[in-house]
């Protein structure tokens, strides 16, 4: 129960019902109760209500943290994801900014890494080349599915649709060098 103008910190797992994940790490959500009347904010509120409902179910979770900020900017949130253990990003903690457009969920959120990362599908500004954040977006997609897709992309880059062609070329032609550099950047920046 949230009173007018209050902020509540929920320590909740984000569940992906269709996805088979190995981790059982809780996700933290900060929630402000006074929302302007935007379609996007109604959907965002539904996301957090769904997260709360799913906490009672036995399922697997996504490693990471989601924070919905106070009333200053309810269309922005931050996320933290852990580098997947079976990738050169293992052990890293990566921060992302998520901006919801006012016509969300009909338009995809804009997601950017704020942590520097060496990856063919993520540029130096943190922009992410991921089909579900562009032309393959569907209003049925959830933020947890977006974050799962980003984690999957860390494990399995798509060098055929790169945002950084030079890194994609190294990935295709010298995998050991790519993985070594990605591990080095992870140690240094994440």
C-alpha atoms as a PDB file:
ATOM      1  CA  UNK A   1       0.000   0.000   0.000  1.00  0.00           C
ATOM      2  CA  UNK A   2       1.402   3.305  -1.102  1.00  0.00           C
ATOM      3  CA  UNK A   3       0.268   6.602   0.377  1.00  0.00           C
ATOM      4  CA  UNK A   4       0.006   9.819  -1.638  1.00  0.00           C
ATOM      5  CA  UNK A   5       3.486  11.101  -2.446  1.00  0.00           C
ATOM      6  CA  UNK A   6       5.282   8.303  -0.642  1.00  0.00           C
ATOM      7  CA  UNK A   7       8.163   6.282  -2.003  1.00  0.00           C
ATOM      8  CA  UNK A   8       8.334   2.581  -1.346  1.00  0.00           C
ATOM      9  CA  UNK A   9      11.351   0.394  -1.871  1.00  0.00           C
ATOM     10  CA  UNK A  10      10.391  -3.116  -2.925  1.00  0.00           C
ATOM     11  CA  UNK A  11      12.977  -5.896  -2.993  1.00  0.00           C
ATOM     12  CA  UNK A  12      11.472  -8.089  -5.685  1.00  0.00           C
ATOM     13  CA  UNK A  13      12.610 -10.665  -8.213  1.00  0.00           C
ATOM     14  CA  UNK A  14      11.724  -9.998 -11.841  1.00  0.00           C
ATOM     15  CA  UNK A  15      10.486 -13.244 -13.312  1.00  0.00           C
ATOM     16  CA  UNK A  16      10.574 -14.339 -16.890  1.00  0.00           C
ATOM     17  CA  UNK A  17       7.973 -17.055 -17.210  1.00  0.00           C
ATOM     18  CA  UNK A  18       8.995 -18.283 -20.660  1.00  0.00           C
ATOM     19  CA  UNK A  19      12.728 -17.932 -20.226  1.00  0.00           C
ATOM     20  CA  UNK A  20      14.939 -20.465 -18.514  1.00  0.00           C
ATOM     21  CA  UNK A  21      17.495 -18.556 -16.464  1.00  0.00           C
ATOM     22  CA  UNK A  22      20.073 -19.944 -14.085  1.00  0.00           C
ATOM     23  CA  UNK A  23      20.097 -17.149 -11.504  1.00  0.00           C
ATOM     24  CA  UNK A  24      17.876 -16.480  -8.492  1.00  0.00           C
ATOM     25  CA  UNK A  25      18.868 -12.891  -7.756  1.00  0.00           C
ATOM     26  CA  UNK A  26      16.335 -10.349  -6.484  1.00  0.00           C
ATOM     27  CA  UNK A  27      15.638  -7.126  -8.310  1.00  0.00           C
ATOM     28  CA  UNK A  28      15.174  -3.869  -6.432  1.00  0.00           C
ATOM     29  CA  UNK A  29      12.397  -1.473  -7.452  1.00  0.00           C
ATOM     30  CA  UNK A  30      11.855   2.070  -6.172  1.00  0.00           C
ATOM     31  CA  UNK A  31       8.338   3.297  -6.866  1.00  0.00           C
ATOM     32  CA  UNK A  32       6.703   6.724  -6.551  1.00  0.00           C
ATOM     33  CA  UNK A  33       2.949   6.739  -6.058  1.00  0.00           C
ATOM     34  CA  UNK A  34       1.892  10.051  -7.653  1.00  0.00           C
ATOM     35  CA  UNK A  35       2.011   9.595 -11.436  1.00  0.00           C
ATOM     36  CA  UNK A  36       0.980  12.017 -14.163  1.00  0.00           C
ATOM     37  CA  UNK A  37      -1.790  10.562 -16.393  1.00  0.00           C
ATOM     38  CA  UNK A  38       0.348   9.175 -19.251  1.00  0.00           C
ATOM     39  CA  UNK A  39      -0.341   5.880 -21.023  1.00  0.00           C
ATOM     40  CA  UNK A  40       3.333   5.034 -20.489  1.00  0.00           C
ATOM     41  CA  UNK A  41       3.138   5.542 -16.750  1.00  0.00           C
ATOM     42  CA  UNK A  42       0.064   3.327 -16.497  1.00  0.00           C
ATOM     43  CA  UNK A  43       1.970   0.569 -18.292  1.00  0.00           C
ATOM     44  CA  UNK A  44       5.054   1.096 -16.126  1.00  0.00           C
ATOM     45  CA  UNK A  45       2.886   0.849 -13.024  1.00  0.00           C
ATOM     46  CA  UNK A  46       1.439  -2.422 -14.367  1.00  0.00           C
ATOM     47  CA  UNK A  47       4.983  -3.727 -14.825  1.00  0.00           C
ATOM     48  CA  UNK A  48       5.767  -3.187 -11.144  1.00  0.00           C
ATOM     49  CA  UNK A  49       2.423  -4.640 -10.045  1.00  0.00           C
ATOM     50  CA  UNK A  50       3.173  -7.731 -12.134  1.00  0.00           C
ATOM     51  CA  UNK A  51       6.620  -7.962 -10.566  1.00  0.00           C
ATOM     52  CA  UNK A  52       5.023  -7.887  -7.113  1.00  0.00           C
ATOM     53  CA  UNK A  53       2.529 -10.605  -8.075  1.00  0.00           C
ATOM     54  CA  UNK A  54       5.242 -12.820  -9.487  1.00  0.00           C
ATOM     55  CA  UNK A  55       7.327 -12.699  -6.307  1.00  0.00           C
ATOM     56  CA  UNK A  56       5.054 -15.288  -4.744  1.00  0.00           C
ATOM     57  CA  UNK A  57       5.668 -17.748  -7.585  1.00  0.00           C
ATOM     58  CA  UNK A  58       8.522 -20.218  -7.734  1.00  0.00           C
ATOM     59  CA  UNK A  59      10.496 -19.308 -10.812  1.00  0.00           C
ATOM     60  CA  UNK A  60      13.905 -18.119 -11.891  1.00  0.00           C
ATOM     61  CA  UNK A  61      15.007 -14.496 -11.916  1.00  0.00           C
ATOM     62  CA  UNK A  62      17.166 -12.058 -13.794  1.00  0.00           C
ATOM     63  CA  UNK A  63      20.385 -10.888 -12.143  1.00  0.00           C
ATOM     64  CA  UNK A  64      20.126  -7.179 -11.642  1.00  0.00           C
ATOM     65  CA  UNK A  65      18.426  -4.145 -10.247  1.00  0.00           C
ATOM     66  CA  UNK A  66      15.694  -1.874 -11.586  1.00  0.00           C
ATOM     67  CA  UNK A  67      14.959   1.474  -9.991  1.00  0.00           C
ATOM     68  CA  UNK A  68      12.010   3.666 -10.882  1.00  0.00           C
ATOM     69  CA  UNK A  69      12.931   7.153  -9.662  1.00  0.00           C
ATOM     70  CA  UNK A  70      10.834   9.614  -7.707  1.00  0.00           C
ATOM     71  CA  UNK A  71       8.454  12.062  -9.349  1.00  0.00           C
ATOM     72  CA  UNK A  72      11.167  14.157 -11.037  1.00  0.00           C
ATOM     73  CA  UNK A  73      11.228  11.879 -14.104  1.00  0.00           C
ATOM     74  CA  UNK A  74       8.929   8.888 -13.991  1.00  0.00           C
ATOM     75  CA  UNK A  75       9.634   8.061 -17.629  1.00  0.00           C
ATOM     76  CA  UNK A  76      13.240   7.178 -16.800  1.00  0.00           C
ATOM     77  CA  UNK A  77      14.594   4.271 -14.838  1.00  0.00           C
ATOM     78  CA  UNK A  78      17.987   2.730 -14.243  1.00  0.00           C
ATOM     79  CA  UNK A  79      18.950  -0.893 -14.427  1.00  0.00           C
ATOM     80  CA  UNK A  80      21.965  -2.866 -13.357  1.00  0.00           C
ATOM     81  CA  UNK A  81      22.805  -6.177 -14.971  1.00  0.00           C
ATOM     82  CA  UNK A  82      25.491  -8.662 -14.070  1.00  0.00           C
ATOM     83  CA  UNK A  83      27.802  -9.930 -16.784  1.00  0.00           C
ATOM     84  CA  UNK A  84      26.673 -13.447 -17.741  1.00  0.00           C
ATOM     85  CA  UNK A  85      28.982 -16.123 -16.288  1.00  0.00           C
ATOM     86  CA  UNK A  86      29.510 -17.793 -19.675  1.00  0.00           C
ATOM     87  CA  UNK A  87      30.764 -14.607 -21.350  1.00  0.00           C
ATOM     88  CA  UNK A  88      33.836 -12.359 -21.288  1.00  0.00           C
ATOM     89  CA  UNK A  89      31.680  -9.965 -19.220  1.00  0.00           C
ATOM     90  CA  UNK A  90      31.475 -12.368 -16.246  1.00  0.00           C
ATOM     91  CA  UNK A  91      31.987 -10.624 -12.924  1.00  0.00           C
ATOM     92  CA  UNK A  92      31.116  -7.218 -14.358  1.00  0.00           C
ATOM     93  CA  UNK A  93      28.339  -4.952 -13.121  1.00  0.00           C
ATOM     94  CA  UNK A  94      26.834  -2.912 -15.951  1.00  0.00           C
ATOM     95  CA  UNK A  95      24.612   0.139 -15.509  1.00  0.00           C
ATOM     96  CA  UNK A  96      21.918   1.099 -18.010  1.00  0.00           C
ATOM     97  CA  UNK A  97      19.515   4.008 -18.439  1.00  0.00           C
ATOM     98  CA  UNK A  98      16.013   3.243 -19.644  1.00  0.00           C
ATOM     99  CA  UNK A  99      13.848   6.058 -21.015  1.00  0.00           C
ATOM    100  CA  UNK A 100      10.203   5.334 -21.742  1.00  0.00           C
ATOM    101  CA  UNK A 101       8.620   7.383 -24.538  1.00  0.00           C
ATOM    102  CA  UNK A 102       5.282   8.995 -23.737  1.00  0.00           C
ATOM    103  CA  UNK A 103       3.602   6.551 -26.128  1.00  0.00           C
ATOM    104  CA  UNK A 104       5.100   3.470 -24.426  1.00  0.00           C
ATOM    105  CA  UNK A 105       4.257   0.566 -24.783  1.00  0.00           C
ATOM    106  CA  UNK A 106       3.489   1.314 -28.430  1.00  0.00           C
ATOM    107  CA  UNK A 107       7.055   2.545 -28.956  1.00  0.00           C
ATOM    108  CA  UNK A 108      10.119   0.818 -27.470  1.00  0.00           C
ATOM    109  CA  UNK A 109      12.031   2.201 -24.519  1.00  0.00           C
ATOM    110  CA  UNK A 110      15.432   3.726 -25.249  1.00  0.00           C
ATOM    111  CA  UNK A 111      18.079   1.736 -23.398  1.00  0.00           C
ATOM    112  CA  UNK A 112      21.711   2.824 -23.082  1.00  0.00           C
ATOM    113  CA  UNK A 113      24.694   1.413 -21.236  1.00  0.00           C
ATOM    114  CA  UNK A 114      26.325   3.961 -18.943  1.00  0.00           C
ATOM    115  CA  UNK A 115      29.141   1.522 -18.185  1.00  0.00           C
ATOM    116  CA  UNK A 116      31.813   1.409 -20.874  1.00  0.00           C
ATOM    117  CA  UNK A 117      31.730  -1.975 -22.638  1.00  0.00           C
ATOM    118  CA  UNK A 118      33.584  -3.611 -25.533  1.00  0.00           C
ATOM    119  CA  UNK A 119      30.899  -5.177 -27.716  1.00  0.00           C
ATOM    120  CA  UNK A 120      30.053  -5.109 -31.448  1.00  0.00           C
ATOM    121  CA  UNK A 121      26.410  -4.204 -30.755  1.00  0.00           C
ATOM    122  CA  UNK A 122      27.064  -1.420 -28.195  1.00  0.00           C
ATOM    123  CA  UNK A 123      28.846   1.799 -29.167  1.00  0.00           C
ATOM    124  CA  UNK A 124      30.937   4.231 -27.119  1.00  0.00           C
ATOM    125  CA  UNK A 125      27.803   6.282 -26.287  1.00  0.00           C
ATOM    126  CA  UNK A 126      26.167   3.170 -24.808  1.00  0.00           C
ATOM    127  CA  UNK A 127      23.623   2.840 -27.626  1.00  0.00           C
ATOM    128  CA  UNK A 128      22.473  -0.732 -28.186  1.00  0.00           C
ATOM    129  CA  UNK A 129      21.811  -2.357 -31.549  1.00  0.00           C
ATOM    130  CA  UNK A 130      19.083  -4.852 -30.680  1.00  0.00           C
ATOM    131  CA  UNK A 131      16.153  -5.623 -32.966  1.00  0.00           C
ATOM    132  CA  UNK A 132      13.529  -5.575 -30.194  1.00  0.00           C
ATOM    133  CA  UNK A 133      14.556  -2.009 -29.365  1.00  0.00           C
ATOM    134  CA  UNK A 134      13.935  -1.031 -32.984  1.00  0.00           C
ATOM    135  CA  UNK A 135      11.806  -2.624 -35.699  1.00  0.00           C
ATOM    136  CA  UNK A 136      10.971  -5.841 -33.803  1.00  0.00           C
ATOM    137  CA  UNK A 137       9.444  -4.038 -30.813  1.00  0.00           C
ATOM    138  CA  UNK A 138       6.032  -5.242 -29.657  1.00  0.00           C
ATOM    139  CA  UNK A 139       3.826  -3.749 -26.935  1.00  0.00           C
ATOM    140  CA  UNK A 140       3.682  -7.273 -25.496  1.00  0.00           C
ATOM    141  CA  UNK A 141       7.396  -7.127 -24.633  1.00  0.00           C
ATOM    142  CA  UNK A 142       8.302  -6.334 -21.045  1.00  0.00           C
ATOM    143  CA  UNK A 143      11.301  -4.606 -19.526  1.00  0.00           C
ATOM    144  CA  UNK A 144      12.423  -7.917 -18.034  1.00  0.00           C
ATOM    145  CA  UNK A 145      12.406  -9.445 -21.537  1.00  0.00           C
ATOM    146  CA  UNK A 146      14.398  -6.482 -22.852  1.00  0.00           C
ATOM    147  CA  UNK A 147      16.989  -6.956 -20.098  1.00  0.00           C
ATOM    148  CA  UNK A 148      17.075 -10.708 -20.743  1.00  0.00           C
ATOM    149  CA  UNK A 149      17.691  -9.998 -24.430  1.00  0.00           C
ATOM    150  CA  UNK A 150      20.534  -7.650 -23.538  1.00  0.00           C
ATOM    151  CA  UNK A 151      22.077 -10.326 -21.284  1.00  0.00           C
ATOM    152  CA  UNK A 152      21.689 -12.838 -24.101  1.00  0.00           C
ATOM    153  CA  UNK A 153      23.376 -10.405 -26.485  1.00  0.00           C
ATOM    154  CA  UNK A 154      26.338 -10.195 -24.091  1.00  0.00           C
ATOM    155  CA  UNK A 155      26.684 -13.968 -24.291  1.00  0.00           C
ATOM    156  CA  UNK A 156      26.032 -14.177 -28.025  1.00  0.00           C
ATOM    157  CA  UNK A 157      26.835 -10.962 -29.964  1.00  0.00           C
ATOM    158  CA  UNK A 158      25.393 -10.373 -33.425  1.00  0.00           C
ATOM    159  CA  UNK A 159      28.402  -9.382 -35.569  1.00  0.00           C
ATOM    160  CA  UNK A 160      26.222  -9.355 -38.705  1.00  0.00           C
ATOM    161  CA  UNK A 161      24.252  -6.327 -37.420  1.00  0.00           C
ATOM    162  CA  UNK A 162      26.982  -4.370 -35.630  1.00  0.00           C
ATOM    163  CA  UNK A 163      26.915  -0.905 -34.180  1.00  0.00           C
ATOM    164  CA  UNK A 164      30.735  -0.983 -34.076  1.00  0.00           C
ATOM    165  CA  UNK A 165      31.972  -2.691 -37.277  1.00  0.00           C
ATOM    166  CA  UNK A 166      35.613  -2.759 -36.121  1.00  0.00           C
ATOM    167  CA  UNK A 167      34.731  -4.825 -33.044  1.00  0.00           C
ATOM    168  CA  UNK A 168      32.477  -7.062 -35.142  1.00  0.00           C
ATOM    169  CA  UNK A 169      35.386  -7.713 -37.512  1.00  0.00           C
ATOM    170  CA  UNK A 170      37.646  -8.675 -34.595  1.00  0.00           C
ATOM    171  CA  UNK A 171      34.880 -10.903 -33.195  1.00  0.00           C
ATOM    172  CA  UNK A 172      34.614 -12.727 -36.543  1.00  0.00           C
ATOM    173  CA  UNK A 173      38.325 -12.994 -37.331  1.00  0.00           C
ATOM    174  CA  UNK A 174      40.094 -13.218 -33.951  1.00  0.00           C
ATOM    175  CA  UNK A 175      37.719 -14.438 -31.241  1.00  0.00           C
ATOM    176  CA  UNK A 176      40.506 -14.841 -28.657  1.00  0.00           C
ATOM    177  CA  UNK A 177      41.526 -11.188 -29.081  1.00  0.00           C
ATOM    178  CA  UNK A 178      37.885 -10.062 -28.857  1.00  0.00           C
ATOM    179  CA  UNK A 179      37.286 -12.028 -25.637  1.00  0.00           C
ATOM    180  CA  UNK A 180      40.561 -10.858 -24.101  1.00  0.00           C
ATOM    181  CA  UNK A 181      39.748  -7.198 -24.813  1.00  0.00           C
ATOM    182  CA  UNK A 182      36.153  -7.594 -23.575  1.00  0.00           C
ATOM    183  CA  UNK A 183      37.429  -9.200 -20.331  1.00  0.00           C
ATOM    184  CA  UNK A 184      39.993  -6.413 -19.908  1.00  0.00           C
ATOM    185  CA  UNK A 185      37.344  -3.692 -20.360  1.00  0.00           C
ATOM    186  CA  UNK A 186      35.046  -5.539 -17.948  1.00  0.00           C
ATOM    187  CA  UNK A 187      37.782  -5.624 -15.273  1.00  0.00           C
ATOM    188  CA  UNK A 188      38.632  -1.979 -15.923  1.00  0.00           C
ATOM    189  CA  UNK A 189      35.167  -0.399 -16.221  1.00  0.00           C
ATOM    190  CA  UNK A 190      32.594  -2.795 -14.780  1.00  0.00           C
END
